[in-house]
Amino acid sequence: MQKTLTIKKDNCPQNHPCPAVKVCPVGALSQTDHNAPIIDQSKCIRCGKCSTFCPKKALVLE
């Protein structure tokens, strides 16, 4: 079974630039203003770098 990256918005403070967006090696994460990041599932390679880097553990690979 293939894992899927999801965002737990309750954990995401959404008041600053998301640091995990910059570590995505394929550009699957984007952010508008200071809202929660948006995942492009078609680009995501499910490497887990963003979920490891997210300080609030709002990005989850499950």
C-alpha atoms as a PDB file:
ATOM      1  CA  MET A   1       0.000   0.000   0.000  1.00  0.00           C
ATOM      2  CA  GLN A   2       1.339   3.406  -0.977  1.00  0.00           C
ATOM      3  CA  LYS A   3       1.618   6.069   1.705  1.00  0.00           C
ATOM      4  CA  THR A   4      -0.045   9.468   1.338  1.00  0.00           C
ATOM      5  CA  LEU A   5       1.145  12.823   2.617  1.00  0.00           C
ATOM      6  CA  THR A   6      -1.528  14.707   4.559  1.00  0.00           C
ATOM      7  CA  ILE A   7      -1.700  17.939   6.524  1.00  0.00           C
ATOM      8  CA  LYS A   8      -3.052  18.049  10.068  1.00  0.00           C
ATOM      9  CA  LYS A   9      -4.257  21.649   9.976  1.00  0.00           C
ATOM     10  CA  ASP A  10      -4.900  21.656  13.736  1.00  0.00           C
ATOM     11  CA  ASN A  11      -1.136  21.234  14.238  1.00  0.00           C
ATOM     12  CA  CYS A  12      -0.154  23.835  11.633  1.00  0.00           C
ATOM     13  CA  PRO A  13       0.168  27.356  13.083  1.00  0.00           C
ATOM     14  CA  GLN A  14      -0.424  28.929   9.622  1.00  0.00           C
ATOM     15  CA  ASN A  15       1.110  32.235  10.645  1.00  0.00           C
ATOM     16  CA  HIS A  16       4.554  32.024   9.077  1.00  0.00           C
ATOM     17  CA  PRO A  17       6.349  30.719   5.995  1.00  0.00           C
ATOM     18  CA  CYS A  18       6.280  26.925   6.155  1.00  0.00           C
ATOM     19  CA  PRO A  19       9.870  25.674   6.521  1.00  0.00           C
ATOM     20  CA  ALA A  20       8.981  22.269   5.048  1.00  0.00           C
ATOM     21  CA  VAL A  21       8.104  23.806   1.655  1.00  0.00           C
ATOM     22  CA  LYS A  22      11.785  24.568   1.032  1.00  0.00           C
ATOM     23  CA  VAL A  23      13.017  21.020   1.728  1.00  0.00           C
ATOM     24  CA  CYS A  24      10.745  19.239  -0.755  1.00  0.00           C
ATOM     25  CA  PRO A  25      13.084  17.922  -3.477  1.00  0.00           C
ATOM     26  CA  VAL A  26      10.365  17.866  -6.157  1.00  0.00           C
ATOM     27  CA  GLY A  27       8.367  21.014  -5.365  1.00  0.00           C
ATOM     28  CA  ALA A  28       5.240  19.163  -4.265  1.00  0.00           C
ATOM     29  CA  LEU A  29       4.511  21.669  -1.485  1.00  0.00           C
ATOM     30  CA  SER A  30       3.454  25.263  -1.991  1.00  0.00           C
ATOM     31  CA  GLN A  31       2.114  27.955   0.292  1.00  0.00           C
ATOM     32  CA  THR A  32      -0.043  31.019  -0.318  1.00  0.00           C
ATOM     33  CA  ASP A  33       0.484  33.859   2.139  1.00  0.00           C
ATOM     34  CA  HIS A  34       0.864  32.145   5.519  1.00  0.00           C
ATOM     35  CA  ASN A  35      -1.843  29.535   5.092  1.00  0.00           C
ATOM     36  CA  ALA A  36      -1.257  25.813   5.531  1.00  0.00           C
ATOM     37  CA  PRO A  37       0.847  24.331   2.737  1.00  0.00           C
ATOM     38  CA  ILE A  38      -0.822  22.743  -0.267  1.00  0.00           C
ATOM     39  CA  ILE A  39       0.300  19.299  -1.421  1.00  0.00           C
ATOM     40  CA  ASP A  40       0.468  18.429  -5.108  1.00  0.00           C
ATOM     41  CA  GLN A  41      -0.002  14.674  -4.788  1.00  0.00           C
ATOM     42  CA  SER A  42       0.942  14.179  -8.456  1.00  0.00           C
ATOM     43  CA  LYS A  43       4.450  15.538  -7.723  1.00  0.00           C
ATOM     44  CA  CYS A  44       4.940  14.060  -4.234  1.00  0.00           C
ATOM     45  CA  ILE A  45       7.407  11.142  -4.193  1.00  0.00           C
ATOM     46  CA  ARG A  46       6.566  10.295  -0.562  1.00  0.00           C
ATOM     47  CA  CYS A  47      10.161  10.659   0.626  1.00  0.00           C
ATOM     48  CA  GLY A  48       9.110  12.016   4.041  1.00  0.00           C
ATOM     49  CA  LYS A  49      11.587  14.906   4.145  1.00  0.00           C
ATOM     50  CA  CYS A  50       8.867  17.486   4.761  1.00  0.00           C
ATOM     51  CA  SER A  51       7.210  15.467   7.519  1.00  0.00           C
ATOM     52  CA  THR A  52      10.554  15.016   9.249  1.00  0.00           C
ATOM     53  CA  PHE A  53      11.367  18.721   8.889  1.00  0.00           C
ATOM     54  CA  CYS A  54       7.981  20.096  10.013  1.00  0.00           C
ATOM     55  CA  PRO A  55       8.524  21.473  13.548  1.00  0.00           C
ATOM     56  CA  LYS A  56       4.852  21.020  14.518  1.00  0.00           C
ATOM     57  CA  LYS A  57       4.439  17.566  12.904  1.00  0.00           C
ATOM     58  CA  ALA A  58       1.570  18.901  10.805  1.00  0.00           C
ATOM     59  CA  LEU A  59       2.758  17.052   7.689  1.00  0.00           C
ATOM     60  CA  VAL A  60       2.195  13.328   8.061  1.00  0.00           C
ATOM     61  CA  LEU A  61       3.176  10.512   5.715  1.00  0.00           C
ATOM     62  CA  GLU A  62       0.838   7.600   6.388  1.00  0.00           C
END
